[in-house]
Amino acid sequence: MRNKKFLFIFLFSLLNYGQEYPFISKEFVKIDKYKYLDFVQKKAENKIFNENGLIIPLVKMDSINKTYLKNPYKPIYFVDSINNKSITVIKYLSKEEYKIINDELQDKQKKDSKNRKQLNGSHIENLELTDTNGSKYSFESLSGKIIVLNFWFTKCAPCIKEMPDLNDLKEKYKDKPIAFFAVTYDKKALVDDFLKKIKLDFTVIPNDRKTINQFGIQFFPTNLVIDSNGKVVYVNEFFGGCGIKEIDKILKKLTKD
């Protein structure tokens, strides 16, 4: 047991606090995935290396991704903000490292499943949202309305895939007392650029980790429906899809004259 604890501490420090690579100059600073995604939106120059310092062509990443289960890896990100450059190091994982990461993911999924069950049927006492134009919303200002919350982020492929269906849903119930919000942790500038390319008719709430944390959201997209009394009447299942059809049925029932 003692050896296992030591192994975990060692691997945790290795994977989260980084290694120094001689082919990376001191101007580059290690950052996490989400800060990296924000950074590359600035059209920064990006190079991909393996741990030996050999450049990996971007086209080769497709084949690397396809063989992930056989050769699992962890990308490690570095940026030089002054010269607007970034580096991704592909670190292949040992069986022990992969097991730890996989176990952590499964534990995260279990906690998320428990949270979804607790959310469903619960009553929300407060809600504070600020959209991309600076307009503010609260339970008081939304009194008497049904609230649909969509949690997403700009680099989430499933989130983007469901947006046309979300837009159709909004259009279908445009004359009903329903407020549709799309909440993301992405910053306003990033969201504004995204919305120039992708249509999303919900009221978009950027830079809002507070609300994401309030609902305990771990995976994206997640969709919730809150009735006019503040009760959560729907949360989509993690493995059950985004729940657009289910939301449609619930809204139809809640708005039935």
C-alpha atoms as a PDB file:
ATOM      1  CA  MET A   1       0.000   0.000   0.000  1.00  0.00           C
ATOM      2  CA  ARG A   2       2.858   2.298   0.854  1.00  0.00           C
ATOM      3  CA  ASN A   3       4.493   1.631  -2.510  1.00  0.00           C
ATOM      4  CA  LYS A   4       1.234   2.404  -4.317  1.00  0.00           C
ATOM      5  CA  LYS A   5       0.939   5.742  -2.503  1.00  0.00           C
ATOM      6  CA  PHE A   6       4.509   6.593  -3.463  1.00  0.00           C
ATOM      7  CA  LEU A   7       3.862   5.658  -7.089  1.00  0.00           C
ATOM      8  CA  PHE A   8       0.759   7.839  -7.206  1.00  0.00           C
ATOM      9  CA  ILE A   9       2.574  10.853  -5.704  1.00  0.00           C
ATOM     10  CA  PHE A  10       5.448  10.406  -8.145  1.00  0.00           C
ATOM     11  CA  LEU A  11       3.236  10.082 -11.218  1.00  0.00           C
ATOM     12  CA  PHE A  12       0.987  12.927 -10.125  1.00  0.00           C
ATOM     13  CA  SER A  13       3.958  15.258  -9.890  1.00  0.00           C
ATOM     14  CA  LEU A  14       5.274  13.983 -13.200  1.00  0.00           C
ATOM     15  CA  LEU A  15       2.029  14.489 -15.094  1.00  0.00           C
ATOM     16  CA  ASN A  16       0.819  17.692 -13.490  1.00  0.00           C
ATOM     17  CA  TYR A  17       3.908  19.696 -12.639  1.00  0.00           C
ATOM     18  CA  GLY A  18       5.870  18.845 -15.710  1.00  0.00           C
ATOM     19  CA  GLN A  19       9.266  17.806 -16.879  1.00  0.00           C
ATOM     20  CA  GLU A  20      11.933  19.988 -18.402  1.00  0.00           C
ATOM     21  CA  TYR A  21      12.752  19.218 -22.013  1.00  0.00           C
ATOM     22  CA  PRO A  22      16.121  20.415 -23.309  1.00  0.00           C
ATOM     23  CA  PHE A  23      14.677  21.280 -26.733  1.00  0.00           C
ATOM     24  CA  ILE A  24      12.245  23.798 -25.179  1.00  0.00           C
ATOM     25  CA  SER A  25      13.744  27.213 -24.474  1.00  0.00           C
ATOM     26  CA  LYS A  26      13.247  28.996 -21.157  1.00  0.00           C
ATOM     27  CA  GLU A  27      10.792  31.477 -22.716  1.00  0.00           C
ATOM     28  CA  PHE A  28       8.159  28.741 -22.787  1.00  0.00           C
ATOM     29  CA  VAL A  29       5.963  28.209 -19.736  1.00  0.00           C
ATOM     30  CA  LYS A  30       3.930  25.071 -19.043  1.00  0.00           C
ATOM     31  CA  ILE A  31       0.157  25.636 -18.911  1.00  0.00           C
ATOM     32  CA  ASP A  32      -2.946  23.495 -18.626  1.00  0.00           C
ATOM     33  CA  LYS A  33      -5.195  22.366 -21.482  1.00  0.00           C
ATOM     34  CA  TYR A  34      -7.824  25.078 -21.103  1.00  0.00           C
ATOM     35  CA  LYS A  35      -5.357  27.956 -20.996  1.00  0.00           C
ATOM     36  CA  TYR A  36      -3.671  26.412 -24.027  1.00  0.00           C
ATOM     37  CA  LEU A  37      -6.965  26.318 -25.946  1.00  0.00           C
ATOM     38  CA  ASP A  38      -7.492  29.993 -25.146  1.00  0.00           C
ATOM     39  CA  PHE A  39      -3.957  30.790 -26.273  1.00  0.00           C
ATOM     40  CA  VAL A  40      -4.095  29.033 -29.658  1.00  0.00           C
ATOM     41  CA  GLN A  41      -7.223  31.008 -30.531  1.00  0.00           C
ATOM     42  CA  LYS A  42      -4.819  33.904 -31.049  1.00  0.00           C
ATOM     43  CA  LYS A  43      -3.442  32.037 -34.081  1.00  0.00           C
ATOM     44  CA  ALA A  44      -0.194  31.313 -32.322  1.00  0.00           C
ATOM     45  CA  GLU A  45       2.527  29.342 -34.052  1.00  0.00           C
ATOM     46  CA  ASN A  46       2.328  25.775 -32.751  1.00  0.00           C
ATOM     47  CA  LYS A  47       4.762  22.873 -33.028  1.00  0.00           C
ATOM     48  CA  ILE A  48       4.293  19.297 -31.847  1.00  0.00           C
ATOM     49  CA  PHE A  49       7.213  17.246 -30.529  1.00  0.00           C
ATOM     50  CA  ASN A  50       7.757  13.826 -29.063  1.00  0.00           C
ATOM     51  CA  GLU A  51       9.733  13.571 -25.822  1.00  0.00           C
ATOM     52  CA  ASN A  52      12.981  13.099 -27.740  1.00  0.00           C
ATOM     53  CA  GLY A  53      12.594  16.483 -29.397  1.00  0.00           C
ATOM     54  CA  LEU A  54      11.586  15.221 -32.843  1.00  0.00           C
ATOM     55  CA  ILE A  55       8.880  17.230 -34.598  1.00  0.00           C
ATOM     56  CA  ILE A  56       5.620  15.393 -35.252  1.00  0.00           C
ATOM     57  CA  PRO A  57       3.873  16.628 -38.428  1.00  0.00           C
ATOM     58  CA  LEU A  58       0.279  17.669 -37.830  1.00  0.00           C
ATOM     59  CA  VAL A  59      -0.966  15.136 -40.386  1.00  0.00           C
ATOM     60  CA  LYS A  60       0.597  12.341 -38.340  1.00  0.00           C
ATOM     61  CA  MET A  61      -1.527  13.228 -35.307  1.00  0.00           C
ATOM     62  CA  ASP A  62      -4.535  11.596 -36.976  1.00  0.00           C
ATOM     63  CA  SER A  63      -2.826   8.209 -36.946  1.00  0.00           C
ATOM     64  CA  ILE A  64      -1.554   8.787 -33.397  1.00  0.00           C
ATOM     65  CA  ASN A  65      -5.099   9.542 -32.239  1.00  0.00           C
ATOM     66  CA  LYS A  66      -6.471   6.437 -33.967  1.00  0.00           C
ATOM     67  CA  THR A  67      -4.017   4.197 -32.081  1.00  0.00           C
ATOM     68  CA  TYR A  68      -4.576   5.903 -28.699  1.00  0.00           C
ATOM     69  CA  LEU A  69      -5.892   2.769 -26.959  1.00  0.00           C
ATOM     70  CA  LYS A  70      -2.763   0.850 -27.952  1.00  0.00           C
ATOM     71  CA  ASN A  71      -0.398   3.743 -27.304  1.00  0.00           C
ATOM     72  CA  PRO A  72      -2.070   6.133 -24.852  1.00  0.00           C
ATOM     73  CA  TYR A  73      -0.468   9.537 -24.486  1.00  0.00           C
ATOM     74  CA  LYS A  74      -0.792  12.793 -22.591  1.00  0.00           C
ATOM     75  CA  PRO A  75      -0.230  16.125 -24.374  1.00  0.00           C
ATOM     76  CA  ILE A  76       1.841  18.604 -22.361  1.00  0.00           C
ATOM     77  CA  TYR A  77       1.462  22.246 -23.323  1.00  0.00           C
ATOM     78  CA  PHE A  78       3.983  25.103 -23.290  1.00  0.00           C
ATOM     79  CA  VAL A  79       3.552  28.681 -24.494  1.00  0.00           C
ATOM     80  CA  ASP A  80       5.753  31.678 -25.208  1.00  0.00           C
ATOM     81  CA  SER A  81       3.264  34.525 -24.828  1.00  0.00           C
ATOM     82  CA  ILE A  82       5.761  37.206 -25.824  1.00  0.00           C
ATOM     83  CA  ASN A  83       6.509  35.685 -29.236  1.00  0.00           C
ATOM     84  CA  ASN A  84       3.025  34.116 -29.589  1.00  0.00           C
ATOM     85  CA  LYS A  85       4.316  30.559 -29.940  1.00  0.00           C
ATOM     86  CA  SER A  86       3.227  27.266 -28.426  1.00  0.00           C
ATOM     87  CA  ILE A  87       4.631  23.764 -28.167  1.00  0.00           C
ATOM     88  CA  THR A  88       2.830  20.504 -27.519  1.00  0.00           C
ATOM     89  CA  VAL A  89       4.871  17.562 -26.270  1.00  0.00           C
ATOM     90  CA  ILE A  90       3.358  14.123 -26.812  1.00  0.00           C
ATOM     91  CA  LYS A  91       4.222  12.038 -23.757  1.00  0.00           C
ATOM     92  CA  TYR A  92       3.420   8.345 -24.155  1.00  0.00           C
ATOM     93  CA  LEU A  93       2.125   6.755 -20.969  1.00  0.00           C
ATOM     94  CA  SER A  94       3.202   3.580 -19.271  1.00  0.00           C
ATOM     95  CA  LYS A  95       0.532   1.047 -18.242  1.00  0.00           C
ATOM     96  CA  GLU A  96       0.754   2.304 -14.664  1.00  0.00           C
ATOM     97  CA  GLU A  97       0.353   5.959 -15.697  1.00  0.00           C
ATOM     98  CA  TYR A  98      -2.566   5.162 -17.998  1.00  0.00           C
ATOM     99  CA  LYS A  99      -4.291   3.143 -15.273  1.00  0.00           C
ATOM    100  CA  ILE A 100      -4.066   6.034 -12.825  1.00  0.00           C
ATOM    101  CA  ILE A 101      -5.504   8.488 -15.360  1.00  0.00           C
ATOM    102  CA  ASN A 102      -8.231   6.039 -16.391  1.00  0.00           C
ATOM    103  CA  ASP A 103      -9.149   5.353 -12.754  1.00  0.00           C
ATOM    104  CA  GLU A 104      -9.363   9.099 -12.101  1.00  0.00           C
ATOM    105  CA  LEU A 105     -11.668   9.526 -15.107  1.00  0.00           C
ATOM    106  CA  GLN A 106     -13.950   6.712 -13.965  1.00  0.00           C
ATOM    107  CA  ASP A 107     -14.111   8.226 -10.492  1.00  0.00           C
ATOM    108  CA  LYS A 108     -14.988  11.592 -12.035  1.00  0.00           C
ATOM    109  CA  GLN A 109     -17.768   9.951 -14.063  1.00  0.00           C
ATOM    110  CA  LYS A 110     -19.202   8.287 -10.945  1.00  0.00           C
ATOM    111  CA  LYS A 111     -19.250  11.592  -9.077  1.00  0.00           C
ATOM    112  CA  ASP A 112     -20.835  13.289 -12.075  1.00  0.00           C
ATOM    113  CA  SER A 113     -23.556  10.624 -12.299  1.00  0.00           C
ATOM    114  CA  LYS A 114     -24.306  11.061  -8.585  1.00  0.00           C
ATOM    115  CA  ASN A 115     -24.463  14.841  -8.987  1.00  0.00           C
ATOM    116  CA  ARG A 116     -26.907  14.584 -11.914  1.00  0.00           C
ATOM    117  CA  LYS A 117     -29.226  12.401  -9.850  1.00  0.00           C
ATOM    118  CA  GLN A 118     -29.071  14.848  -6.936  1.00  0.00           C
ATOM    119  CA  LEU A 119     -29.750  17.809  -9.235  1.00  0.00           C
ATOM    120  CA  ASN A 120     -32.833  16.221 -10.756  1.00  0.00           C
ATOM    121  CA  GLY A 121     -35.757  17.169  -8.530  1.00  0.00           C
ATOM    122  CA  SER A 122     -33.796  19.706  -6.487  1.00  0.00           C
ATOM    123  CA  HIS A 123     -34.859  23.340  -6.055  1.00  0.00           C
ATOM    124  CA  ILE A 124     -32.573  26.149  -7.166  1.00  0.00           C
ATOM    125  CA  GLU A 125     -32.634  29.096  -4.788  1.00  0.00           C
ATOM    126  CA  ASN A 126     -30.455  31.554  -6.663  1.00  0.00           C
ATOM    127  CA  LEU A 127     -29.206  32.166 -10.178  1.00  0.00           C
ATOM    128  CA  GLU A 128     -27.078  35.057 -11.393  1.00  0.00           C
ATOM    129  CA  LEU A 129     -26.120  35.300 -15.065  1.00  0.00           C
ATOM    130  CA  THR A 130     -24.455  37.993 -17.193  1.00  0.00           C
ATOM    131  CA  ASP A 131     -24.629  37.696 -20.976  1.00  0.00           C
ATOM    132  CA  THR A 132     -22.178  38.826 -23.672  1.00  0.00           C
ATOM    133  CA  ASN A 133     -23.787  42.289 -23.770  1.00  0.00           C
ATOM    134  CA  GLY A 134     -23.529  42.777 -20.011  1.00  0.00           C
ATOM    135  CA  SER A 135     -27.240  42.235 -19.324  1.00  0.00           C
ATOM    136  CA  LYS A 136     -27.909  40.518 -16.006  1.00  0.00           C
ATOM    137  CA  TYR A 137     -30.462  37.839 -15.152  1.00  0.00           C
ATOM    138  CA  SER A 138     -31.659  36.409 -11.842  1.00  0.00           C
ATOM    139  CA  PHE A 139     -34.548  34.322 -10.530  1.00  0.00           C
ATOM    140  CA  GLU A 140     -36.309  37.558  -9.687  1.00  0.00           C
ATOM    141  CA  SER A 141     -36.022  38.920 -13.238  1.00  0.00           C
ATOM    142  CA  LEU A 142     -36.988  35.519 -14.660  1.00  0.00           C
ATOM    143  CA  SER A 143     -39.946  35.061 -12.324  1.00  0.00           C
ATOM    144  CA  GLY A 144     -42.653  32.857 -13.806  1.00  0.00           C
ATOM    145  CA  LYS A 145     -40.439  31.587 -16.606  1.00  0.00           C
ATOM    146  CA  ILE A 146     -39.125  28.114 -17.375  1.00  0.00           C
ATOM    147  CA  ILE A 147     -35.336  28.107 -17.665  1.00  0.00           C
ATOM    148  CA  VAL A 148     -33.285  25.938 -20.012  1.00  0.00           C
ATOM    149  CA  LEU A 149     -29.564  25.845 -19.239  1.00  0.00           C
ATOM    150  CA  ASN A 150     -27.048  24.507 -21.738  1.00  0.00           C
ATOM    151  CA  PHE A 151     -23.460  24.094 -20.494  1.00  0.00           C
ATOM    152  CA  TRP A 152     -20.854  24.103 -23.274  1.00  0.00           C
ATOM    153  CA  PHE A 153     -17.455  25.385 -24.422  1.00  0.00           C
ATOM    154  CA  THR A 154     -16.074  26.454 -27.789  1.00  0.00           C
ATOM    155  CA  LYS A 155     -13.790  23.446 -28.347  1.00  0.00           C
ATOM    156  CA  CYS A 156     -16.446  20.862 -27.432  1.00  0.00           C
ATOM    157  CA  ALA A 157     -17.372  18.954 -30.611  1.00  0.00           C
ATOM    158  CA  PRO A 158     -20.585  17.401 -29.164  1.00  0.00           C
ATOM    159  CA  CYS A 159     -21.623  20.854 -27.922  1.00  0.00           C
ATOM    160  CA  ILE A 160     -21.247  22.323 -31.407  1.00  0.00           C
ATOM    161  CA  LYS A 161     -22.997  19.358 -33.006  1.00  0.00           C
ATOM    162  CA  GLU A 162     -26.184  19.898 -30.969  1.00  0.00           C
ATOM    163  CA  MET A 163     -26.389  23.657 -31.568  1.00  0.00           C
ATOM    164  CA  PRO A 164     -28.669  23.458 -34.649  1.00  0.00           C
ATOM    165  CA  ASP A 165     -31.104  21.354 -32.584  1.00  0.00           C
ATOM    166  CA  LEU A 166     -30.897  23.845 -29.724  1.00  0.00           C
ATOM    167  CA  ASN A 167     -31.653  26.661 -32.164  1.00  0.00           C
ATOM    168  CA  ASP A 168     -34.679  24.748 -33.472  1.00  0.00           C
ATOM    169  CA  LEU A 169     -35.856  24.207 -29.905  1.00  0.00           C
ATOM    170  CA  LYS A 170     -35.572  27.912 -29.149  1.00  0.00           C
ATOM    171  CA  GLU A 171     -37.486  28.777 -32.329  1.00  0.00           C
ATOM    172  CA  LYS A 172     -40.247  26.272 -31.553  1.00  0.00           C
ATOM    173  CA  TYR A 173     -40.941  27.795 -28.130  1.00  0.00           C
ATOM    174  CA  LYS A 174     -40.132  31.439 -28.923  1.00  0.00           C
ATOM    175  CA  ASP A 175     -43.636  32.549 -27.955  1.00  0.00           C
ATOM    176  CA  LYS A 176     -43.641  30.666 -24.659  1.00  0.00           C
ATOM    177  CA  PRO A 177     -42.430  31.929 -21.247  1.00  0.00           C
ATOM    178  CA  ILE A 178     -39.082  30.149 -21.513  1.00  0.00           C
ATOM    179  CA  ALA A 179     -35.587  31.605 -21.071  1.00  0.00           C
ATOM    180  CA  PHE A 180     -32.808  29.788 -22.922  1.00  0.00           C
ATOM    181  CA  PHE A 181     -29.223  30.245 -21.683  1.00  0.00           C
ATOM    182  CA  ALA A 182     -25.935  28.782 -22.940  1.00  0.00           C
ATOM    183  CA  VAL A 183     -23.330  28.940 -20.160  1.00  0.00           C
ATOM    184  CA  THR A 184     -19.600  28.562 -20.791  1.00  0.00           C
ATOM    185  CA  TYR A 185     -16.345  29.146 -18.941  1.00  0.00           C
ATOM    186  CA  ASP A 186     -14.770  30.562 -22.121  1.00  0.00           C
ATOM    187  CA  LYS A 187     -13.920  34.241 -22.031  1.00  0.00           C
ATOM    188  CA  LYS A 188     -16.073  36.794 -23.838  1.00  0.00           C
ATOM    189  CA  ALA A 189     -13.545  37.558 -26.597  1.00  0.00           C
ATOM    190  CA  LEU A 190     -13.227  33.866 -27.448  1.00  0.00           C
ATOM    191  CA  VAL A 191     -17.005  33.420 -27.402  1.00  0.00           C
ATOM    192  CA  ASP A 192     -17.546  36.477 -29.610  1.00  0.00           C
ATOM    193  CA  ASP A 193     -15.149  35.066 -32.230  1.00  0.00           C
ATOM    194  CA  PHE A 194     -16.865  31.680 -32.033  1.00  0.00           C
ATOM    195  CA  LEU A 195     -20.339  33.166 -32.541  1.00  0.00           C
ATOM    196  CA  LYS A 196     -19.189  34.858 -35.744  1.00  0.00           C
ATOM    197  CA  LYS A 197     -18.775  31.377 -37.239  1.00  0.00           C
ATOM    198  CA  ILE A 198     -21.336  29.228 -35.422  1.00  0.00           C
ATOM    199  CA  LYS A 199     -24.957  30.203 -34.829  1.00  0.00           C
ATOM    200  CA  LEU A 200     -26.291  29.828 -31.294  1.00  0.00           C
ATOM    201  CA  ASP A 201     -29.628  31.486 -30.594  1.00  0.00           C
ATOM    202  CA  PHE A 202     -29.566  30.986 -26.827  1.00  0.00           C
ATOM    203  CA  THR A 203     -28.624  33.907 -24.603  1.00  0.00           C
ATOM    204  CA  VAL A 204     -24.904  33.230 -24.211  1.00  0.00           C
ATOM    205  CA  ILE A 205     -23.279  33.561 -20.787  1.00  0.00           C
ATOM    206  CA  PRO A 206     -19.464  33.702 -21.077  1.00  0.00           C
ATOM    207  CA  ASN A 207     -16.703  33.428 -18.473  1.00  0.00           C
ATOM    208  CA  ASP A 208     -19.034  31.838 -15.907  1.00  0.00           C
ATOM    209  CA  ARG A 209     -17.282  29.146 -13.906  1.00  0.00           C
ATOM    210  CA  LYS A 210     -19.346  30.238 -10.907  1.00  0.00           C
ATOM    211  CA  THR A 211     -22.593  28.879 -12.388  1.00  0.00           C
ATOM    212  CA  ILE A 212     -20.821  25.791 -13.746  1.00  0.00           C
ATOM    213  CA  ASN A 213     -19.513  25.084 -10.251  1.00  0.00           C
ATOM    214  CA  GLN A 214     -22.895  25.901  -8.711  1.00  0.00           C
ATOM    215  CA  PHE A 215     -24.454  23.024 -10.654  1.00  0.00           C
ATOM    216  CA  GLY A 216     -21.387  20.788 -10.313  1.00  0.00           C
ATOM    217  CA  ILE A 217     -20.970  20.368 -14.074  1.00  0.00           C
ATOM    218  CA  GLN A 218     -18.065  18.071 -14.952  1.00  0.00           C
ATOM    219  CA  PHE A 219     -18.792  17.060 -18.552  1.00  0.00           C
ATOM    220  CA  PHE A 220     -20.056  18.953 -21.583  1.00  0.00           C
ATOM    221  CA  PRO A 221     -22.572  19.405 -23.022  1.00  0.00           C
ATOM    222  CA  THR A 222     -24.988  19.172 -20.107  1.00  0.00           C
ATOM    223  CA  ASN A 223     -28.578  20.389 -20.388  1.00  0.00           C
ATOM    224  CA  LEU A 224     -30.985  21.257 -17.559  1.00  0.00           C
ATOM    225  CA  VAL A 225     -34.614  22.339 -17.425  1.00  0.00           C
ATOM    226  CA  ILE A 226     -35.855  24.329 -14.412  1.00  0.00           C
ATOM    227  CA  ASP A 227     -39.600  24.879 -14.081  1.00  0.00           C
ATOM    228  CA  SER A 228     -41.214  28.193 -13.155  1.00  0.00           C
ATOM    229  CA  ASN A 229     -41.065  27.246  -9.451  1.00  0.00           C
ATOM    230  CA  GLY A 230     -37.283  26.742  -9.490  1.00  0.00           C
ATOM    231  CA  LYS A 231     -37.393  22.951  -9.542  1.00  0.00           C
ATOM    232  CA  VAL A 232     -34.944  21.064 -11.761  1.00  0.00           C
ATOM    233  CA  VAL A 233     -37.198  18.780 -13.790  1.00  0.00           C
ATOM    234  CA  TYR A 234     -34.618  17.435 -16.228  1.00  0.00           C
ATOM    235  CA  VAL A 235     -30.884  16.711 -16.422  1.00  0.00           C
ATOM    236  CA  ASN A 236     -29.556  14.746 -19.383  1.00  0.00           C
ATOM    237  CA  GLU A 237     -27.748  11.472 -18.692  1.00  0.00           C
ATOM    238  CA  PHE A 238     -23.999  11.355 -19.284  1.00  0.00           C
ATOM    239  CA  PHE A 239     -24.248   8.356 -21.631  1.00  0.00           C
ATOM    240  CA  GLY A 240     -27.769   9.117 -22.838  1.00  0.00           C
ATOM    241  CA  GLY A 241     -27.008  11.881 -25.313  1.00  0.00           C
ATOM    242  CA  CYS A 242     -27.804  15.567 -24.973  1.00  0.00           C
ATOM    243  CA  GLY A 243     -31.526  14.979 -24.450  1.00  0.00           C
ATOM    244  CA  ILE A 244     -33.005  17.386 -27.001  1.00  0.00           C
ATOM    245  CA  LYS A 245     -36.053  15.175 -27.622  1.00  0.00           C
ATOM    246  CA  GLU A 246     -36.628  14.754 -23.887  1.00  0.00           C
ATOM    247  CA  ILE A 247     -36.355  18.504 -23.338  1.00  0.00           C
ATOM    248  CA  ASP A 248     -38.850  19.089 -26.128  1.00  0.00           C
ATOM    249  CA  LYS A 249     -41.360  16.728 -24.455  1.00  0.00           C
ATOM    250  CA  ILE A 250     -40.891  18.391 -21.069  1.00  0.00           C
ATOM    251  CA  LEU A 251     -41.288  21.912 -22.468  1.00  0.00           C
ATOM    252  CA  LYS A 252     -44.406  20.849 -24.330  1.00  0.00           C
ATOM    253  CA  LYS A 253     -45.854  19.490 -21.099  1.00  0.00           C
ATOM    254  CA  LEU A 254     -44.862  22.516 -18.992  1.00  0.00           C
ATOM    255  CA  THR A 255     -46.285  25.018 -21.486  1.00  0.00           C
ATOM    256  CA  LYS A 256     -49.488  23.127 -22.185  1.00  0.00           C
ATOM    257  CA  ASP A 257     -52.451  25.482 -21.896  1.00  0.00           C
END
